[in-house]
Structures are given as C-alpha cells and as structure tokens.
Amino acid sequence: MTDLRNDDVEQPRRYPRLPRRPRGLPLRAVTPNAITALALCSGLSGVRFAIGGEWERAVAMIMVAGVLDGIDGRIARLLHGESRFGAELDSLSDAISFGVAPALILYLWSLSALPRVGWMASLILAVFCALRLARFNAKIDETEQPHKSAGFLTGVPAPVGAGLALAPLFFWLWSEEPLFASPYLVAPWTAFVAVLMVSSVATFSWKSLKL
C-alpha cells in the first residue's frame, strides 16, 4: 500500500482575501445631503453678492441657508437616511454658511472701515462658530446632557448666531440709519454674538416642540 504523506498531497491554492469595498451612501441619504449642499451653496452665494455690494441678496442667501439647514435633518429622519457622513457635512456647511459667510459679509459691509479691529471681529465670529460646532459634534454621543434633556441647547446655535450677527445689517437695510452701519457698533456686537455661540447659556431648542 502506498503511503501518502501530507507533503505529497497537492494542497488547494489559497489566495489572499481582498478587502471589502466600502459601501456608498444609500439612495435615501442622498436627498438630505443634497439639501445640505444647497445650504452651503447659499452661504457662499451670500459672500458673492456681498462682494458686489448687493446687501439685500447677501442677507437673503444666509436666510435661505438657514431654512435649508432647518429641513435637511427632518427630511433625513423622515426618509430614515441619517448617516455619519450627513452629520459631518451638516457641520461643515454650518461653519461656512453661518460663520465664515456672515463674517465676510459684515467685513465687506462695515468692518473694513476698521481694518485691524474689524478683521479681528470677523475672525472671532468665524472661529467661534467653528468651535461651537466642534463642541456639538464632540458631545453628540453623550447621554448626560442636562440642557438637551430639558429641551435646551448649550450656547446660541449657529443659524441663530448668524442672524444675530447680521442684525445691524438688517436694521440698516430697513431704516437706512447710518448708526447701524458704524463699525464702532458692528465690531463689538459681532464679538458679543460670537461669545454667545461658545458660551454655556441655555438656549431654547425649537426642535423640542412636538408639532
């Protein structure tokens, strides 16, 4: 009888297992992310109109971004299209539409009359908005958030902060009062709103309303 050793038996050839390709976004997540992208485009368009001195359109674009930001999350939950990608995209969009864009609009409109102080106020608004969003993302998975459980947010949310920062421009467009365009008013007001964004002030969340 022939003695077949293991070394004499031809072993099946093994090939290295290829890594699985990462799955893309499901189709139901495309719609809310597209709305978030439109909000980002609106914020950047506000800067474009501000460069041309079209202040009404610049303000309108920030308002459109705020409306889109308010519905993208609701549509994502309605379609069961929530994703980590969408959450990160939303924060990036908010940082630009409600931090960078309003800061540049205010600088082009009023703060450029005080180049150093005005630019510093614009930087504070943009950076503090980004810090607020970073803090929000860092705490998104925490279960113990007293303000959130009581229906409040910590600090002024980015869209509200953008609206408050642009308040002097709103009043100037409405009344044509030169005082509202004074950089000596706009600069400290802009810095004050920026501080409210990163503060621990409890701010009512409209999302807590049960409609």
C-alpha atoms as a PDB file:
ATOM      1  CA  MET A   1       0.000   0.000   0.000  1.00  0.00           C
ATOM      2  CA  THR A   2       1.328   3.387  -0.932  1.00  0.00           C
ATOM      3  CA  ASP A   3       1.933   5.711   1.987  1.00  0.00           C
ATOM      4  CA  LEU A   4       0.687   9.150   1.045  1.00  0.00           C
ATOM      5  CA  ARG A   5       2.171  11.817   3.185  1.00  0.00           C
ATOM      6  CA  ASN A   6       0.701  15.240   3.655  1.00  0.00           C
ATOM      7  CA  ASP A   7       3.614  16.729   1.770  1.00  0.00           C
ATOM      8  CA  ASP A   8       2.830  14.581  -1.265  1.00  0.00           C
ATOM      9  CA  VAL A   9      -0.815  15.618  -1.450  1.00  0.00           C
ATOM     10  CA  GLU A  10      -1.419  18.696  -3.526  1.00  0.00           C
ATOM     11  CA  GLN A  11      -2.938  21.334  -1.298  1.00  0.00           C
ATOM     12  CA  PRO A  12      -5.525  23.730  -2.671  1.00  0.00           C
ATOM     13  CA  ARG A  13      -4.044  27.068  -3.568  1.00  0.00           C
ATOM     14  CA  ARG A  14      -5.119  29.862  -1.281  1.00  0.00           C
ATOM     15  CA  TYR A  15      -5.467  33.377  -2.494  1.00  0.00           C
ATOM     16  CA  PRO A  16      -5.411  36.407  -0.212  1.00  0.00           C
ATOM     17  CA  ARG A  17      -8.865  37.710   0.576  1.00  0.00           C
ATOM     18  CA  LEU A  18      -9.486  41.054  -0.987  1.00  0.00           C
ATOM     19  CA  PRO A  19     -10.766  43.758   1.357  1.00  0.00           C
ATOM     20  CA  ARG A  20     -14.412  44.586   1.008  1.00  0.00           C
ATOM     21  CA  ARG A  21     -15.186  47.738  -0.861  1.00  0.00           C
ATOM     22  CA  PRO A  22     -16.752  50.360   1.397  1.00  0.00           C
ATOM     23  CA  ARG A  23     -20.442  50.779   0.841  1.00  0.00           C
ATOM     24  CA  GLY A  24     -21.577  54.094  -0.551  1.00  0.00           C
ATOM     25  CA  LEU A  25     -24.368  56.236   0.762  1.00  0.00           C
ATOM     26  CA  PRO A  26     -27.823  54.697   0.422  1.00  0.00           C
ATOM     27  CA  LEU A  27     -30.133  56.445  -2.001  1.00  0.00           C
ATOM     28  CA  ARG A  28     -32.396  57.644   0.804  1.00  0.00           C
ATOM     29  CA  ALA A  29     -29.465  59.629   2.254  1.00  0.00           C
ATOM     30  CA  VAL A  30     -28.768  61.474  -0.990  1.00  0.00           C
ATOM     31  CA  THR A  31     -31.732  63.857  -0.730  1.00  0.00           C
ATOM     32  CA  PRO A  32     -30.965  65.340   2.725  1.00  0.00           C
ATOM     33  CA  ASN A  33     -27.266  65.604   1.878  1.00  0.00           C
ATOM     34  CA  ALA A  34     -28.149  67.407  -1.358  1.00  0.00           C
ATOM     35  CA  ILE A  35     -30.207  69.894   0.668  1.00  0.00           C
ATOM     36  CA  THR A  36     -27.245  70.417   2.995  1.00  0.00           C
ATOM     37  CA  ALA A  37     -25.032  71.057  -0.032  1.00  0.00           C
ATOM     38  CA  LEU A  38     -27.557  73.615  -1.290  1.00  0.00           C
ATOM     39  CA  ALA A  39     -27.369  75.365   2.082  1.00  0.00           C
ATOM     40  CA  LEU A  40     -23.600  75.538   1.676  1.00  0.00           C
ATOM     41  CA  CYS A  41     -24.014  76.981  -1.819  1.00  0.00           C
ATOM     42  CA  SER A  42     -26.436  79.579  -0.465  1.00  0.00           C
ATOM     43  CA  GLY A  43     -23.977  80.705   2.185  1.00  0.00           C
ATOM     44  CA  LEU A  44     -21.177  81.063  -0.350  1.00  0.00           C
ATOM     45  CA  SER A  45     -23.528  82.900  -2.716  1.00  0.00           C
ATOM     46  CA  GLY A  46     -24.144  85.398   0.072  1.00  0.00           C
ATOM     47  CA  VAL A  47     -20.427  86.213   0.030  1.00  0.00           C
ATOM     48  CA  ARG A  48     -20.535  86.589  -3.740  1.00  0.00           C
ATOM     49  CA  PHE A  49     -23.389  89.110  -3.530  1.00  0.00           C
ATOM     50  CA  ALA A  50     -21.621  90.975  -0.725  1.00  0.00           C
ATOM     51  CA  ILE A  51     -18.537  91.382  -2.906  1.00  0.00           C
ATOM     52  CA  GLY A  52     -20.786  93.081  -5.456  1.00  0.00           C
ATOM     53  CA  GLY A  53     -22.397  95.292  -2.805  1.00  0.00           C
ATOM     54  CA  GLU A  54     -25.797  93.592  -3.166  1.00  0.00           C
ATOM     55  CA  TRP A  55     -26.538  93.504   0.545  1.00  0.00           C
ATOM     56  CA  GLU A  56     -30.209  92.521   0.302  1.00  0.00           C
ATOM     57  CA  ARG A  57     -29.330  89.445  -1.734  1.00  0.00           C
ATOM     58  CA  ALA A  58     -26.425  88.632   0.553  1.00  0.00           C
ATOM     59  CA  VAL A  59     -28.724  88.609   3.574  1.00  0.00           C
ATOM     60  CA  ALA A  60     -31.357  86.650   1.653  1.00  0.00           C
ATOM     61  CA  MET A  61     -28.845  83.915   0.832  1.00  0.00           C
ATOM     62  CA  ILE A  62     -27.962  83.469   4.511  1.00  0.00           C
ATOM     63  CA  MET A  63     -31.674  83.247   5.302  1.00  0.00           C
ATOM     64  CA  VAL A  64     -32.139  80.613   2.590  1.00  0.00           C
ATOM     65  CA  ALA A  65     -29.231  78.662   4.073  1.00  0.00           C
ATOM     66  CA  GLY A  66     -30.959  78.811   7.456  1.00  0.00           C
ATOM     67  CA  VAL A  67     -34.210  77.450   6.034  1.00  0.00           C
ATOM     68  CA  LEU A  68     -32.415  74.619   4.248  1.00  0.00           C
ATOM     69  CA  ASP A  69     -30.444  73.815   7.393  1.00  0.00           C
ATOM     70  CA  GLY A  70     -33.697  73.551   9.297  1.00  0.00           C
ATOM     71  CA  ILE A  71     -35.251  70.982   6.970  1.00  0.00           C
ATOM     72  CA  ASP A  72     -32.361  68.722   5.954  1.00  0.00           C
ATOM     73  CA  GLY A  73     -32.310  66.898   9.279  1.00  0.00           C
ATOM     74  CA  ARG A  74     -36.078  66.457   9.323  1.00  0.00           C
ATOM     75  CA  ILE A  75     -36.047  65.044   5.803  1.00  0.00           C
ATOM     76  CA  ALA A  76     -33.213  62.688   6.760  1.00  0.00           C
ATOM     77  CA  ARG A  77     -35.240  61.353   9.687  1.00  0.00           C
ATOM     78  CA  LEU A  78     -38.375  61.121   7.549  1.00  0.00           C
ATOM     79  CA  LEU A  79     -36.548  59.053   4.918  1.00  0.00           C
ATOM     80  CA  HIS A  80     -34.503  57.127   7.513  1.00  0.00           C
ATOM     81  CA  GLY A  81     -31.444  58.494   5.767  1.00  0.00           C
ATOM     82  CA  GLU A  82     -29.412  59.620   8.781  1.00  0.00           C
ATOM     83  CA  SER A  83     -25.695  58.962   8.417  1.00  0.00           C
ATOM     84  CA  ARG A  84     -22.426  59.998   9.996  1.00  0.00           C
ATOM     85  CA  PHE A  85     -21.444  61.456   6.637  1.00  0.00           C
ATOM     86  CA  GLY A  86     -24.528  63.652   6.660  1.00  0.00           C
ATOM     87  CA  ALA A  87     -23.820  64.864  10.187  1.00  0.00           C
ATOM     88  CA  GLU A  88     -20.264  65.850   9.294  1.00  0.00           C
ATOM     89  CA  LEU A  89     -21.379  67.539   6.069  1.00  0.00           C
ATOM     90  CA  ASP A  90     -24.009  69.471   8.000  1.00  0.00           C
ATOM     91  CA  SER A  91     -21.418  70.794  10.453  1.00  0.00           C
ATOM     92  CA  LEU A  92     -19.064  71.835   7.658  1.00  0.00           C
ATOM     93  CA  SER A  93     -21.924  73.573   5.865  1.00  0.00           C
ATOM     94  CA  ASP A  94     -22.963  75.378   9.051  1.00  0.00           C
ATOM     95  CA  ALA A  95     -19.407  76.544   9.748  1.00  0.00           C
ATOM     96  CA  ILE A  96     -19.219  78.178   6.331  1.00  0.00           C
ATOM     97  CA  SER A  97     -22.806  79.402   5.920  1.00  0.00           C
ATOM     98  CA  PHE A  98     -23.252  80.741   9.468  1.00  0.00           C
ATOM     99  CA  GLY A  99     -19.668  81.505  10.459  1.00  0.00           C
ATOM    100  CA  VAL A 100     -17.400  82.329   7.541  1.00  0.00           C
ATOM    101  CA  ALA A 101     -20.031  83.828   5.225  1.00  0.00           C
ATOM    102  CA  PRO A 102     -21.600  86.254   7.757  1.00  0.00           C
ATOM    103  CA  ALA A 103     -18.124  87.257   8.944  1.00  0.00           C
ATOM    104  CA  LEU A 104     -17.071  88.178   5.407  1.00  0.00           C
ATOM    105  CA  ILE A 105     -20.373  89.921   4.667  1.00  0.00           C
ATOM    106  CA  LEU A 106     -20.041  92.080   7.785  1.00  0.00           C
ATOM    107  CA  TYR A 107     -16.428  92.887   6.982  1.00  0.00           C
ATOM    108  CA  LEU A 108     -17.196  93.908   3.408  1.00  0.00           C
ATOM    109  CA  TRP A 109     -20.205  95.941   4.528  1.00  0.00           C
ATOM    110  CA  SER A 110     -18.926  97.773   7.619  1.00  0.00           C
ATOM    111  CA  LEU A 111     -15.921  96.338   9.434  1.00  0.00           C
ATOM    112  CA  SER A 112     -13.436  97.052   6.645  1.00  0.00           C
ATOM    113  CA  ALA A 113     -13.533 100.690   7.783  1.00  0.00           C
ATOM    114  CA  LEU A 114     -11.518  99.478  10.795  1.00  0.00           C
ATOM    115  CA  PRO A 115      -9.140  97.073   9.034  1.00  0.00           C
ATOM    116  CA  ARG A 116      -7.424  95.576  12.092  1.00  0.00           C
ATOM    117  CA  VAL A 117     -10.204  95.621  14.663  1.00  0.00           C
ATOM    118  CA  GLY A 118     -12.856  94.839  12.071  1.00  0.00           C
ATOM    119  CA  TRP A 119     -10.957  91.873  10.689  1.00  0.00           C
ATOM    120  CA  MET A 120     -10.326  90.593  14.209  1.00  0.00           C
ATOM    121  CA  ALA A 121     -14.071  90.733  14.939  1.00  0.00           C
ATOM    122  CA  SER A 122     -14.781  88.838  11.716  1.00  0.00           C
ATOM    123  CA  LEU A 123     -12.210  86.180  12.597  1.00  0.00           C
ATOM    124  CA  ILE A 124     -13.687  85.766  16.073  1.00  0.00           C
ATOM    125  CA  LEU A 125     -17.151  85.183  14.614  1.00  0.00           C
ATOM    126  CA  ALA A 126     -15.932  82.586  12.109  1.00  0.00           C
ATOM    127  CA  VAL A 127     -13.638  80.747  14.539  1.00  0.00           C
ATOM    128  CA  PHE A 128     -16.080  80.723  17.458  1.00  0.00           C
ATOM    129  CA  CYS A 129     -18.803  79.360  15.195  1.00  0.00           C
ATOM    130  CA  ALA A 130     -16.474  76.520  14.201  1.00  0.00           C
ATOM    131  CA  LEU A 131     -15.607  75.890  17.870  1.00  0.00           C
ATOM    132  CA  ARG A 132     -19.288  75.701  18.769  1.00  0.00           C
ATOM    133  CA  LEU A 133     -19.933  73.128  16.052  1.00  0.00           C
ATOM    134  CA  ALA A 134     -16.865  71.120  17.094  1.00  0.00           C
ATOM    135  CA  ARG A 135     -18.147  71.071  20.679  1.00  0.00           C
ATOM    136  CA  PHE A 136     -21.553  69.928  19.465  1.00  0.00           C
ATOM    137  CA  ASN A 137     -20.016  67.071  17.465  1.00  0.00           C
ATOM    138  CA  ALA A 138     -17.807  66.023  20.377  1.00  0.00           C
ATOM    139  CA  LYS A 139     -20.832  65.705  22.677  1.00  0.00           C
ATOM    140  CA  ILE A 140     -23.245  64.204  20.170  1.00  0.00           C
ATOM    141  CA  ASP A 141     -22.904  60.686  21.624  1.00  0.00           C
ATOM    142  CA  GLU A 142     -23.001  61.728  25.281  1.00  0.00           C
ATOM    143  CA  THR A 143     -26.121  60.589  27.099  1.00  0.00           C
ATOM    144  CA  GLU A 144     -25.905  63.022  30.022  1.00  0.00           C
ATOM    145  CA  GLN A 145     -26.630  66.489  28.650  1.00  0.00           C
ATOM    146  CA  PRO A 146     -28.830  68.404  31.123  1.00  0.00           C
ATOM    147  CA  HIS A 147     -29.640  71.246  28.723  1.00  0.00           C
ATOM    148  CA  LYS A 148     -30.566  68.899  25.898  1.00  0.00           C
ATOM    149  CA  SER A 149     -32.757  66.691  28.081  1.00  0.00           C
ATOM    150  CA  ALA A 150     -34.652  69.796  29.216  1.00  0.00           C
ATOM    151  CA  GLY A 151     -35.268  70.914  25.635  1.00  0.00           C
ATOM    152  CA  PHE A 152     -32.444  73.445  25.500  1.00  0.00           C
ATOM    153  CA  LEU A 153     -29.135  73.816  23.691  1.00  0.00           C
ATOM    154  CA  THR A 154     -25.805  74.888  25.151  1.00  0.00           C
ATOM    155  CA  GLY A 155     -24.941  78.257  23.665  1.00  0.00           C
ATOM    156  CA  VAL A 156     -26.574  80.064  20.769  1.00  0.00           C
ATOM    157  CA  PRO A 157     -26.909  77.745  17.732  1.00  0.00           C
ATOM    158  CA  ALA A 158     -25.004  78.658  14.581  1.00  0.00           C
ATOM    159  CA  PRO A 159     -28.006  79.738  12.424  1.00  0.00           C
ATOM    160  CA  VAL A 160     -29.368  81.948  15.211  1.00  0.00           C
ATOM    161  CA  GLY A 161     -25.896  83.357  15.806  1.00  0.00           C
ATOM    162  CA  ALA A 162     -25.602  84.273  12.145  1.00  0.00           C
ATOM    163  CA  GLY A 163     -28.951  86.056  12.279  1.00  0.00           C
ATOM    164  CA  LEU A 164     -27.966  87.972  15.410  1.00  0.00           C
ATOM    165  CA  ALA A 165     -24.606  88.947  13.937  1.00  0.00           C
ATOM    166  CA  LEU A 166     -26.310  90.280  10.817  1.00  0.00           C
ATOM    167  CA  ALA A 167     -28.911  92.216  12.841  1.00  0.00           C
ATOM    168  CA  PRO A 168     -27.194  95.597  12.298  1.00  0.00           C
ATOM    169  CA  LEU A 169     -27.284  94.975   8.551  1.00  0.00           C
ATOM    170  CA  PHE A 170     -30.976  94.049   8.778  1.00  0.00           C
ATOM    171  CA  PHE A 171     -31.807  97.277  10.623  1.00  0.00           C
ATOM    172  CA  TRP A 172     -29.659  99.350   8.267  1.00  0.00           C
ATOM    173  CA  LEU A 173     -31.483  97.967   5.229  1.00  0.00           C
ATOM    174  CA  TRP A 174     -34.829  98.575   6.904  1.00  0.00           C
ATOM    175  CA  SER A 175     -34.211 102.080   8.265  1.00  0.00           C
ATOM    176  CA  GLU A 176     -31.179 103.363   6.332  1.00  0.00           C
ATOM    177  CA  GLU A 177     -29.907 104.702   9.653  1.00  0.00           C
ATOM    178  CA  PRO A 178     -26.106 105.254   9.362  1.00  0.00           C
ATOM    179  CA  LEU A 179     -25.616 104.364  13.028  1.00  0.00           C
ATOM    180  CA  PHE A 180     -26.317 100.690  12.325  1.00  0.00           C
ATOM    181  CA  ALA A 181     -23.502 100.631   9.749  1.00  0.00           C
ATOM    182  CA  SER A 182     -20.933 102.126  12.108  1.00  0.00           C
ATOM    183  CA  PRO A 183     -18.004  99.724  12.645  1.00  0.00           C
ATOM    184  CA  TYR A 184     -17.791 101.007  16.228  1.00  0.00           C
ATOM    185  CA  LEU A 185     -21.179  99.379  16.785  1.00  0.00           C
ATOM    186  CA  VAL A 186     -20.832  96.378  14.476  1.00  0.00           C
ATOM    187  CA  ALA A 187     -17.417  95.207  15.745  1.00  0.00           C
ATOM    188  CA  PRO A 188     -18.299  94.784  19.451  1.00  0.00           C
ATOM    189  CA  TRP A 189     -21.713  93.401  18.550  1.00  0.00           C
ATOM    190  CA  THR A 190     -20.131  90.781  16.288  1.00  0.00           C
ATOM    191  CA  ALA A 191     -17.679  89.746  19.013  1.00  0.00           C
ATOM    192  CA  PHE A 192     -20.506  89.578  21.570  1.00  0.00           C
ATOM    193  CA  VAL A 193     -22.570  87.255  19.371  1.00  0.00           C
ATOM    194  CA  ALA A 194     -19.514  85.068  18.783  1.00  0.00           C
ATOM    195  CA  VAL A 195     -19.044  84.680  22.538  1.00  0.00           C
ATOM    196  CA  LEU A 196     -22.702  83.696  22.904  1.00  0.00           C
ATOM    197  CA  MET A 197     -22.105  80.838  20.454  1.00  0.00           C
ATOM    198  CA  VAL A 198     -19.400  79.218  22.585  1.00  0.00           C
ATOM    199  CA  SER A 199     -20.949  80.117  25.934  1.00  0.00           C
ATOM    200  CA  SER A 200     -22.809  77.765  28.253  1.00  0.00           C
ATOM    201  CA  VAL A 201     -26.004  79.807  28.065  1.00  0.00           C
ATOM    202  CA  ALA A 202     -29.067  77.575  27.824  1.00  0.00           C
ATOM    203  CA  THR A 203     -30.861  78.372  24.560  1.00  0.00           C
ATOM    204  CA  PHE A 204     -34.336  77.101  23.757  1.00  0.00           C
ATOM    205  CA  SER A 205     -34.414  74.485  21.003  1.00  0.00           C
ATOM    206  CA  TRP A 206     -37.350  74.679  18.607  1.00  0.00           C
ATOM    207  CA  LYS A 207     -36.756  71.008  17.832  1.00  0.00           C
ATOM    208  CA  SER A 208     -38.135  70.180  21.273  1.00  0.00           C
ATOM    209  CA  LEU A 209     -41.574  71.374  20.183  1.00  0.00           C
ATOM    210  CA  LYS A 210     -43.938  68.499  19.455  1.00  0.00           C
ATOM    211  CA  LEU A 211     -45.966  69.506  16.429  1.00  0.00           C
END
